[in-house]
Amino acid sequence: MNGKIIAIDTREKEFENKLRKLKAGDVIMLSGIMHTMRDRAHKRAVELLEEGRKLPFEIKVVFHASPIIVNNRIISIGPTTSARMEKETKKLLGKTGLVMVLGKGGMGRSTFGKKGIYCALTGGAGAYYAQFLRIKKKYWRDLGAETVYELEARKVPALVAIAKGKNLYALL
């Protein structure tokens, strides 16, 4: 790691330009809009897109997680293992505006190629991450625990683990 901490906001015009400059090992403080997606939501999104239909939300950043909510407030939201959604993530990278995934455990280098960024979050730290996120909207409520939540993030700390074809997990 190079010790840099970089503030990034998905709402900035320069968001994608900043992403292109990130390197594996950078630490970011992510603000802006993200969507939670787990297995069933990924599958539904890919199916809709393959049928030529649009998603009811626009995705740039996906957080592989499912929050615990009390009184419409997130009290815990820990990352889930991303590798399970690798195949669908690769398809979403090619068919949507998806450019960043946050999760746990990494993904293969070929999933992202040179196009996207994968950021690692710490498992077991759901209560910690909850303080940085608030719910804006809900989609696909019929998925129950895998409902897609549109979240507003404020300075979520994350480690860039895969960028520009470099994968920190490959070093382990």
C-alpha atoms as a PDB file:
ATOM      1  CA  MET A   1       0.000   0.000   0.000  1.00  0.00           C
ATOM      2  CA  ASN A   2       1.157   3.469  -0.739  1.00  0.00           C
ATOM      3  CA  GLY A   3      -0.540   5.276   2.155  1.00  0.00           C
ATOM      4  CA  LYS A   4      -2.723   7.543   0.015  1.00  0.00           C
ATOM      5  CA  ILE A   5      -6.286   8.193   1.187  1.00  0.00           C
ATOM      6  CA  ILE A   6      -8.473   9.452  -1.636  1.00  0.00           C
ATOM      7  CA  ALA A   7     -11.922  11.041  -1.282  1.00  0.00           C
ATOM      8  CA  ILE A   8     -14.302   9.886  -4.017  1.00  0.00           C
ATOM      9  CA  ASP A   9     -17.943  10.885  -4.567  1.00  0.00           C
ATOM     10  CA  THR A  10     -20.171   9.094  -7.066  1.00  0.00           C
ATOM     11  CA  ARG A  11     -22.094  12.342  -7.681  1.00  0.00           C
ATOM     12  CA  GLU A  12     -19.023  14.270  -8.890  1.00  0.00           C
ATOM     13  CA  LYS A  13     -18.520  14.875 -12.602  1.00  0.00           C
ATOM     14  CA  GLU A  14     -14.942  13.662 -12.157  1.00  0.00           C
ATOM     15  CA  PHE A  15     -15.981  10.387 -10.464  1.00  0.00           C
ATOM     16  CA  GLU A  16     -14.991   8.062 -13.302  1.00  0.00           C
ATOM     17  CA  ASN A  17     -11.786  10.005 -14.004  1.00  0.00           C
ATOM     18  CA  LYS A  18     -10.793   9.584 -10.341  1.00  0.00           C
ATOM     19  CA  LEU A  19     -11.549   5.861 -10.571  1.00  0.00           C
ATOM     20  CA  ARG A  20      -9.194   5.497 -13.529  1.00  0.00           C
ATOM     21  CA  LYS A  21      -6.369   6.885 -11.396  1.00  0.00           C
ATOM     22  CA  LEU A  22      -6.870   4.437  -8.526  1.00  0.00           C
ATOM     23  CA  LYS A  23      -4.374   1.649  -7.954  1.00  0.00           C
ATOM     24  CA  ALA A  24      -4.630  -1.566  -5.994  1.00  0.00           C
ATOM     25  CA  GLY A  25      -3.538  -0.652  -2.470  1.00  0.00           C
ATOM     26  CA  ASP A  26      -5.104   2.814  -2.403  1.00  0.00           C
ATOM     27  CA  VAL A  27      -7.512   3.595   0.420  1.00  0.00           C
ATOM     28  CA  ILE A  28     -10.633   5.532  -0.486  1.00  0.00           C
ATOM     29  CA  MET A  29     -13.327   7.361   1.440  1.00  0.00           C
ATOM     30  CA  LEU A  30     -16.409   6.755  -0.717  1.00  0.00           C
ATOM     31  CA  SER A  31     -19.392   9.094  -0.686  1.00  0.00           C
ATOM     32  CA  GLY A  32     -22.439   9.287  -2.910  1.00  0.00           C
ATOM     33  CA  ILE A  33     -24.960   6.737  -4.125  1.00  0.00           C
ATOM     34  CA  MET A  34     -24.551   2.953  -4.079  1.00  0.00           C
ATOM     35  CA  HIS A  35     -26.888  -0.027  -4.303  1.00  0.00           C
ATOM     36  CA  THR A  36     -26.846  -3.203  -2.254  1.00  0.00           C
ATOM     37  CA  MET A  37     -27.071  -6.358  -4.346  1.00  0.00           C
ATOM     38  CA  ARG A  38     -26.757  -9.989  -3.428  1.00  0.00           C
ATOM     39  CA  ASP A  39     -27.158 -13.243  -5.353  1.00  0.00           C
ATOM     40  CA  ARG A  40     -30.837 -13.072  -6.310  1.00  0.00           C
ATOM     41  CA  ALA A  41     -30.724  -9.370  -7.201  1.00  0.00           C
ATOM     42  CA  HIS A  42     -27.730  -9.976  -9.493  1.00  0.00           C
ATOM     43  CA  LYS A  43     -29.553 -12.833 -11.165  1.00  0.00           C
ATOM     44  CA  ARG A  44     -32.713 -10.762 -11.691  1.00  0.00           C
ATOM     45  CA  ALA A  45     -30.743  -7.798 -13.052  1.00  0.00           C
ATOM     46  CA  VAL A  46     -28.911  -9.973 -15.581  1.00  0.00           C
ATOM     47  CA  GLU A  47     -32.145 -11.677 -16.662  1.00  0.00           C
ATOM     48  CA  LEU A  48     -33.885  -8.330 -17.232  1.00  0.00           C
ATOM     49  CA  LEU A  49     -30.966  -6.964 -19.229  1.00  0.00           C
ATOM     50  CA  GLU A  50     -30.728 -10.125 -21.338  1.00  0.00           C
ATOM     51  CA  GLU A  51     -34.460  -9.746 -22.115  1.00  0.00           C
ATOM     52  CA  GLY A  52     -33.705  -6.223 -23.366  1.00  0.00           C
ATOM     53  CA  ARG A  53     -35.428  -4.552 -20.411  1.00  0.00           C
ATOM     54  CA  LYS A  54     -34.104  -1.744 -18.222  1.00  0.00           C
ATOM     55  CA  LEU A  55     -33.333  -1.914 -14.544  1.00  0.00           C
ATOM     56  CA  PRO A  56     -35.536   0.273 -12.304  1.00  0.00           C
ATOM     57  CA  PHE A  57     -32.380   1.907 -10.923  1.00  0.00           C
ATOM     58  CA  GLU A  58     -29.085   3.099 -12.364  1.00  0.00           C
ATOM     59  CA  ILE A  59     -26.021   1.439 -10.904  1.00  0.00           C
ATOM     60  CA  LYS A  60     -22.488   2.778 -10.699  1.00  0.00           C
ATOM     61  CA  VAL A  61     -21.474   1.249  -7.375  1.00  0.00           C
ATOM     62  CA  VAL A  62     -22.705  -2.066  -5.962  1.00  0.00           C
ATOM     63  CA  PHE A  63     -22.197  -3.107  -2.357  1.00  0.00           C
ATOM     64  CA  HIS A  64     -22.386  -6.875  -1.888  1.00  0.00           C
ATOM     65  CA  ALA A  65     -24.387  -6.694   1.334  1.00  0.00           C
ATOM     66  CA  SER A  66     -27.806  -6.916   2.924  1.00  0.00           C
ATOM     67  CA  PRO A  67     -28.505  -4.547   5.803  1.00  0.00           C
ATOM     68  CA  ILE A  68     -30.215  -5.148   9.119  1.00  0.00           C
ATOM     69  CA  ILE A  69     -32.783  -2.375   9.461  1.00  0.00           C
ATOM     70  CA  VAL A  70     -34.730  -1.102  12.471  1.00  0.00           C
ATOM     71  CA  ASN A  71     -37.217   1.776  12.032  1.00  0.00           C
ATOM     72  CA  ASN A  72     -35.906   2.409   8.501  1.00  0.00           C
ATOM     73  CA  ARG A  73     -32.371   2.912   9.861  1.00  0.00           C
ATOM     74  CA  ILE A  74     -29.437   0.654   9.081  1.00  0.00           C
ATOM     75  CA  ILE A  75     -28.005  -0.794  12.275  1.00  0.00           C
ATOM     76  CA  SER A  76     -25.645  -3.245  10.590  1.00  0.00           C
ATOM     77  CA  ILE A  77     -24.471  -3.802   7.027  1.00  0.00           C
ATOM     78  CA  GLY A  78     -21.523  -6.105   6.610  1.00  0.00           C
ATOM     79  CA  PRO A  79     -20.100  -7.159   3.264  1.00  0.00           C
ATOM     80  CA  THR A  80     -20.850 -10.619   1.927  1.00  0.00           C
ATOM     81  CA  THR A  81     -18.539 -12.847  -0.116  1.00  0.00           C
ATOM     82  CA  SER A  82     -18.291 -11.384  -3.617  1.00  0.00           C
ATOM     83  CA  ALA A  83     -16.961 -14.430  -5.455  1.00  0.00           C
ATOM     84  CA  ARG A  84     -20.459 -15.970  -5.493  1.00  0.00           C
ATOM     85  CA  MET A  85     -21.644 -13.173  -7.786  1.00  0.00           C
ATOM     86  CA  GLU A  86     -18.638 -13.095 -10.080  1.00  0.00           C
ATOM     87  CA  LYS A  87     -20.362 -14.340 -13.241  1.00  0.00           C
ATOM     88  CA  GLU A  88     -23.261 -11.899 -12.918  1.00  0.00           C
ATOM     89  CA  THR A  89     -20.985  -9.016 -11.930  1.00  0.00           C
ATOM     90  CA  LYS A  90     -18.970  -9.503 -15.102  1.00  0.00           C
ATOM     91  CA  LYS A  91     -22.186  -9.266 -17.152  1.00  0.00           C
ATOM     92  CA  LEU A  92     -23.372  -6.164 -15.280  1.00  0.00           C
ATOM     93  CA  LEU A  93     -20.015  -4.450 -15.901  1.00  0.00           C
ATOM     94  CA  GLY A  94     -20.600  -4.872 -19.622  1.00  0.00           C
ATOM     95  CA  LYS A  95     -24.306  -3.946 -19.755  1.00  0.00           C
ATOM     96  CA  THR A  96     -24.751  -1.150 -17.179  1.00  0.00           C
ATOM     97  CA  GLY A  97     -22.925   1.850 -15.757  1.00  0.00           C
ATOM     98  CA  LEU A  98     -21.416  -0.327 -13.024  1.00  0.00           C
ATOM     99  CA  VAL A  99     -17.806   0.697 -12.359  1.00  0.00           C
ATOM    100  CA  MET A 100     -17.182  -0.264  -8.732  1.00  0.00           C
ATOM    101  CA  VAL A 101     -18.011  -3.162  -6.422  1.00  0.00           C
ATOM    102  CA  LEU A 102     -17.553  -3.246  -2.656  1.00  0.00           C
ATOM    103  CA  GLY A 103     -17.517  -6.603  -0.930  1.00  0.00           C
ATOM    104  CA  LYS A 104     -15.578  -9.227   0.951  1.00  0.00           C
ATOM    105  CA  GLY A 105     -13.055 -11.805  -0.173  1.00  0.00           C
ATOM    106  CA  GLY A 106     -12.183 -10.526  -3.619  1.00  0.00           C
ATOM    107  CA  MET A 107     -13.050 -11.564  -7.148  1.00  0.00           C
ATOM    108  CA  GLY A 108     -11.043 -12.830 -10.077  1.00  0.00           C
ATOM    109  CA  ARG A 109      -8.902 -10.398 -12.020  1.00  0.00           C
ATOM    110  CA  SER A 110     -10.709 -11.329 -15.246  1.00  0.00           C
ATOM    111  CA  THR A 111     -14.031 -10.140 -13.794  1.00  0.00           C
ATOM    112  CA  PHE A 112     -12.920  -6.531 -14.001  1.00  0.00           C
ATOM    113  CA  GLY A 113     -10.197  -6.526 -16.627  1.00  0.00           C
ATOM    114  CA  LYS A 114      -9.257  -2.879 -16.991  1.00  0.00           C
ATOM    115  CA  LYS A 115     -12.829  -1.595 -16.649  1.00  0.00           C
ATOM    116  CA  GLY A 116     -13.864  -1.635 -12.992  1.00  0.00           C
ATOM    117  CA  ILE A 117     -12.653  -1.366  -9.429  1.00  0.00           C
ATOM    118  CA  TYR A 118     -13.154  -3.824  -6.581  1.00  0.00           C
ATOM    119  CA  CYS A 119     -12.905  -2.525  -3.034  1.00  0.00           C
ATOM    120  CA  ALA A 120     -12.492  -4.790  -0.036  1.00  0.00           C
ATOM    121  CA  LEU A 121     -14.356  -4.163   3.183  1.00  0.00           C
ATOM    122  CA  THR A 122     -13.780  -5.920   6.500  1.00  0.00           C
ATOM    123  CA  GLY A 123     -16.083  -8.809   7.337  1.00  0.00           C
ATOM    124  CA  GLY A 124     -17.706  -8.712  10.760  1.00  0.00           C
ATOM    125  CA  ALA A 125     -17.762  -4.904  10.830  1.00  0.00           C
ATOM    126  CA  GLY A 126     -21.416  -4.344   9.894  1.00  0.00           C
ATOM    127  CA  ALA A 127     -22.202  -2.022  12.812  1.00  0.00           C
ATOM    128  CA  TYR A 128     -19.150   0.068  11.920  1.00  0.00           C
ATOM    129  CA  TYR A 129     -20.189   0.470   8.258  1.00  0.00           C
ATOM    130  CA  ALA A 130     -23.796   1.293   9.226  1.00  0.00           C
ATOM    131  CA  GLN A 131     -22.739   4.699  10.555  1.00  0.00           C
ATOM    132  CA  PHE A 132     -21.698   5.810   7.064  1.00  0.00           C
ATOM    133  CA  LEU A 133     -24.883   4.795   5.187  1.00  0.00           C
ATOM    134  CA  ARG A 134     -28.527   5.794   5.026  1.00  0.00           C
ATOM    135  CA  ILE A 135     -31.416   4.384   2.998  1.00  0.00           C
ATOM    136  CA  LYS A 136     -32.771   6.466   0.127  1.00  0.00           C
ATOM    137  CA  LYS A 137     -34.970   3.981  -1.785  1.00  0.00           C
ATOM    138  CA  LYS A 138     -35.872   0.281  -1.924  1.00  0.00           C
ATOM    139  CA  TYR A 139     -36.285  -1.888  -5.028  1.00  0.00           C
ATOM    140  CA  TRP A 140     -37.410  -5.467  -5.547  1.00  0.00           C
ATOM    141  CA  ARG A 141     -38.873  -5.826  -2.062  1.00  0.00           C
ATOM    142  CA  ASP A 142     -40.199  -9.245  -3.065  1.00  0.00           C
ATOM    143  CA  LEU A 143     -36.604 -10.483  -2.660  1.00  0.00           C
ATOM    144  CA  GLY A 144     -36.975 -10.116   1.117  1.00  0.00           C
ATOM    145  CA  ALA A 145     -33.548 -10.045   2.768  1.00  0.00           C
ATOM    146  CA  GLU A 146     -32.042  -9.467  -0.686  1.00  0.00           C
ATOM    147  CA  THR A 147     -34.080  -6.323  -1.416  1.00  0.00           C
ATOM    148  CA  VAL A 148     -31.970  -3.807  -3.332  1.00  0.00           C
ATOM    149  CA  TYR A 149     -31.346  -0.692  -1.255  1.00  0.00           C
ATOM    150  CA  GLU A 150     -30.250   2.582  -2.764  1.00  0.00           C
ATOM    151  CA  LEU A 151     -27.964   4.061  -0.149  1.00  0.00           C
ATOM    152  CA  GLU A 152     -26.366   7.413   0.407  1.00  0.00           C
ATOM    153  CA  ALA A 153     -22.820   6.917   1.586  1.00  0.00           C
ATOM    154  CA  ARG A 154     -20.710   9.376   3.537  1.00  0.00           C
ATOM    155  CA  LYS A 155     -16.977   8.651   3.628  1.00  0.00           C
ATOM    156  CA  VAL A 156     -17.070   4.852   3.688  1.00  0.00           C
ATOM    157  CA  PRO A 157     -13.466   3.674   4.114  1.00  0.00           C
ATOM    158  CA  ALA A 158     -12.456   0.941   1.651  1.00  0.00           C
ATOM    159  CA  LEU A 159      -9.302  -0.666   0.300  1.00  0.00           C
ATOM    160  CA  VAL A 160      -8.916  -0.787  -3.480  1.00  0.00           C
ATOM    161  CA  ALA A 161      -8.104  -4.464  -3.964  1.00  0.00           C
ATOM    162  CA  ILE A 162      -8.504  -4.835  -7.742  1.00  0.00           C
ATOM    163  CA  ALA A 163      -7.746  -2.062 -10.246  1.00  0.00           C
ATOM    164  CA  LYS A 164      -6.184  -1.854 -13.705  1.00  0.00           C
ATOM    165  CA  GLY A 165      -5.765  -5.622 -13.855  1.00  0.00           C
ATOM    166  CA  LYS A 166      -3.831  -5.731 -10.561  1.00  0.00           C
ATOM    167  CA  ASN A 167      -5.279  -7.880  -7.786  1.00  0.00           C
ATOM    168  CA  LEU A 168      -4.020  -7.687  -4.191  1.00  0.00           C
ATOM    169  CA  TYR A 169      -5.539 -11.101  -3.510  1.00  0.00           C
ATOM    170  CA  ALA A 170      -3.169 -12.625  -6.064  1.00  0.00           C
ATOM    171  CA  LEU A 171      -0.273 -11.593  -3.811  1.00  0.00           C
ATOM    172  CA  LEU A 172      -1.502 -13.731  -0.911  1.00  0.00           C
END
